[in-house]
């Protein structure tokens, strides 16, 4: 009842708010159902396939961080080269995952995204070759994406 009064004061009806909450709760599931499973094999499926062939289930596990040098869409053509050079230069100075946030704070429009633990079969195809040839503690080469210039730290 109190919430209904507060919502009414804000000009939002209770039914509208309930619909909003329902969408907020269901949207991640919808996106995951539509895009999340595409081309991915669950860990259990992988183990089952390996056992069928008589192999022991062995895989490489990566702990990844994504470093993104953000490029606004309006400035994409003008500053992509500059941002790529900045990203390449930062790869040599990358201090490791533990100090990544303070490292990014020293630069403009740089985001750090912890991707967490990813098994080799779960690696996205567009990153797979770069990740597999990079040594532990290193960084992959840069890629220009819709977000900006990115690289991964392993």
Protein backbone atom coordinates (compact mmCIF):
# COMPACT_ATOMS: atom_id res chain seq x y z
CA UNK A 1 0.00 0.00 0.00
CA UNK A 2 2.83 2.40 0.84
CA UNK A 3 4.60 1.49 -2.37
CA UNK A 4 1.41 2.15 -4.34
CA UNK A 5 1.19 5.63 -2.79
CA UNK A 6 4.84 6.39 -3.56
CA UNK A 7 4.41 5.19 -7.14
CA UNK A 8 1.25 7.28 -7.54
CA UNK A 9 3.13 10.36 -6.32
CA UNK A 10 5.79 9.66 -8.94
CA UNK A 11 3.12 9.35 -11.62
CA UNK A 12 3.52 5.60 -12.10
CA UNK A 13 0.65 3.17 -11.72
CA UNK A 14 1.06 -0.07 -9.78
CA UNK A 15 0.16 -2.17 -12.84
CA UNK A 16 2.74 -0.38 -14.95
CA UNK A 17 5.40 -0.91 -12.27
CA UNK A 18 4.54 -4.63 -12.03
CA UNK A 19 4.84 -4.97 -15.80
CA UNK A 20 8.19 -3.15 -15.70
CA UNK A 21 9.53 -5.51 -13.00
CA UNK A 22 8.29 -8.55 -14.96
CA UNK A 23 10.17 -7.38 -18.06
CA UNK A 24 13.31 -6.64 -16.05
CA UNK A 25 13.25 -10.13 -14.54
CA UNK A 26 12.49 -12.00 -17.76
CA UNK A 27 14.66 -10.10 -20.23
CA UNK A 28 18.00 -11.76 -19.25
CA UNK A 29 16.40 -15.20 -19.58
CA UNK A 30 14.99 -14.31 -22.98
CA UNK A 31 18.33 -13.02 -24.26
CA UNK A 32 20.15 -16.08 -22.91
CA UNK A 33 17.60 -18.44 -24.46
CA UNK A 34 17.87 -16.68 -27.82
CA UNK A 35 21.60 -16.02 -28.02
CA UNK A 36 23.32 -17.69 -25.07
CA UNK A 37 23.29 -21.30 -26.21
CA UNK A 38 24.21 -20.64 -29.83
CA UNK A 39 27.23 -22.75 -30.72
CA UNK A 40 28.07 -23.58 -27.12
CA UNK A 41 28.42 -27.02 -25.71
CA UNK A 42 27.68 -27.51 -22.04
CA UNK A 43 30.43 -28.92 -19.85
CA UNK A 44 28.33 -32.02 -19.26
CA UNK A 45 27.88 -32.56 -23.02
CA UNK A 46 31.63 -32.28 -23.48
CA UNK A 47 32.34 -34.84 -20.75
CA UNK A 48 29.75 -37.23 -22.21
CA UNK A 49 31.26 -36.99 -25.70
CA UNK A 50 34.77 -37.58 -24.41
CA UNK A 51 33.67 -40.61 -22.39
CA UNK A 52 31.93 -42.05 -25.46
CA UNK A 53 35.23 -41.92 -27.32
CA UNK A 54 37.08 -43.37 -24.34
CA UNK A 55 39.08 -40.22 -23.70
CA UNK A 56 39.58 -38.69 -20.30
CA UNK A 57 37.86 -35.32 -20.05
CA UNK A 58 40.75 -32.84 -20.07
CA UNK A 59 40.52 -29.20 -21.06
CA UNK A 60 42.30 -25.90 -20.58
CA UNK A 61 40.76 -23.38 -18.22
CA UNK A 62 41.31 -19.66 -18.75
CA UNK A 63 40.69 -16.76 -16.37
CA UNK A 64 40.06 -13.80 -18.65
CA UNK A 65 39.72 -10.06 -18.34
CA UNK A 66 38.55 -7.92 -21.23
CA UNK A 67 40.13 -4.50 -21.62
CA UNK A 68 38.05 -2.15 -23.78
CA UNK A 69 39.24 1.18 -25.13
CA UNK A 70 35.82 2.68 -25.74
CA UNK A 71 35.16 4.52 -29.00
CA UNK A 72 31.93 6.56 -29.22
CA UNK A 73 29.99 5.77 -32.41
CA UNK A 74 30.03 9.43 -33.44
CA UNK A 75 33.86 9.52 -33.37
CA UNK A 76 34.51 6.00 -34.68
CA UNK A 77 36.22 6.99 -37.94
CA UNK A 78 38.15 9.87 -36.42
CA UNK A 79 39.82 8.19 -33.42
CA UNK A 80 39.98 4.44 -34.12
CA UNK A 81 43.65 4.60 -35.15
CA UNK A 82 44.59 6.61 -32.07
CA UNK A 83 42.67 4.27 -29.73
CA UNK A 84 44.27 1.22 -31.35
CA UNK A 85 47.73 2.70 -30.76
CA UNK A 86 46.83 3.42 -27.11
CA UNK A 87 45.57 -0.14 -26.64
CA UNK A 88 48.71 -1.64 -28.19
CA UNK A 89 50.92 0.52 -25.96
CA UNK A 90 48.95 -0.46 -22.85
CA UNK A 91 49.38 -4.19 -23.55
CA UNK A 92 53.10 -3.88 -22.80
CA UNK A 93 52.39 -2.12 -19.48
CA UNK A 94 49.46 -4.31 -18.36
CA UNK A 95 50.15 -5.10 -14.67
CA UNK A 96 47.97 -8.21 -14.34
CA UNK A 97 44.37 -8.89 -13.39
CA UNK A 98 44.74 -7.85 -9.74
CA UNK A 99 45.85 -4.29 -10.58
CA UNK A 100 43.72 -3.91 -13.73
CA UNK A 101 41.19 -1.47 -12.25
CA UNK A 102 43.83 0.96 -10.98
CA UNK A 103 45.66 0.57 -14.32
CA UNK A 104 42.50 1.47 -16.26
CA UNK A 105 41.83 4.43 -13.97
CA UNK A 106 45.00 6.09 -15.29
CA UNK A 107 43.57 6.17 -18.83
CA UNK A 108 40.58 7.84 -20.43
CA UNK A 109 37.50 5.81 -21.46
CA UNK A 110 38.95 2.39 -20.66
CA UNK A 111 36.72 -0.34 -19.23
CA UNK A 112 37.74 -3.59 -17.55
CA UNK A 113 35.33 -6.50 -17.70
CA UNK A 114 36.01 -9.65 -15.69
CA UNK A 115 34.97 -12.56 -17.87
CA UNK A 116 35.86 -15.07 -15.17
CA UNK A 117 36.69 -18.72 -15.77
CA UNK A 118 36.16 -19.97 -19.29
CA UNK A 119 36.93 -23.47 -20.52
CA UNK A 120 38.65 -23.86 -23.90
CA UNK A 121 35.55 -25.30 -25.65
CA UNK A 122 33.51 -22.29 -24.45
CA UNK A 123 35.80 -19.68 -26.02
CA UNK A 124 34.06 -17.57 -28.67
CA UNK A 125 35.37 -18.43 -32.15
CA UNK A 126 36.50 -14.87 -32.84
CA UNK A 127 38.78 -14.86 -29.74
CA UNK A 128 39.78 -18.54 -29.70
CA UNK A 129 42.93 -18.38 -31.85
CA UNK A 130 44.21 -15.27 -30.06
CA UNK A 131 43.66 -16.76 -26.58
CA UNK A 132 45.17 -20.15 -27.37
CA UNK A 133 48.45 -18.68 -28.64
CA UNK A 134 48.84 -16.28 -25.70
CA UNK A 135 50.89 -17.33 -22.68
CA UNK A 136 49.50 -17.26 -19.15
CA UNK A 137 49.82 -13.76 -17.69
CA UNK A 138 49.96 -12.23 -21.17
CA UNK A 139 47.57 -10.28 -23.34
CA UNK A 140 46.09 -11.12 -26.73
CA UNK A 141 46.42 -8.91 -29.75
CA UNK A 142 43.92 -6.10 -30.15
CA UNK A 143 40.68 -6.27 -32.10
CA UNK A 144 38.43 -3.44 -33.28
CA UNK A 145 34.82 -4.22 -32.33
CA UNK A 146 31.55 -2.32 -32.09
CA UNK A 147 32.53 -1.28 -28.53
CA UNK A 148 35.97 0.02 -29.42
CA UNK A 149 39.44 -1.52 -29.38
CA UNK A 150 39.66 -4.60 -27.16
CA UNK A 151 42.13 -7.16 -25.94
CA UNK A 152 42.02 -9.97 -23.40
CA UNK A 153 44.31 -10.58 -20.45
CA UNK A 154 44.90 -14.21 -19.50
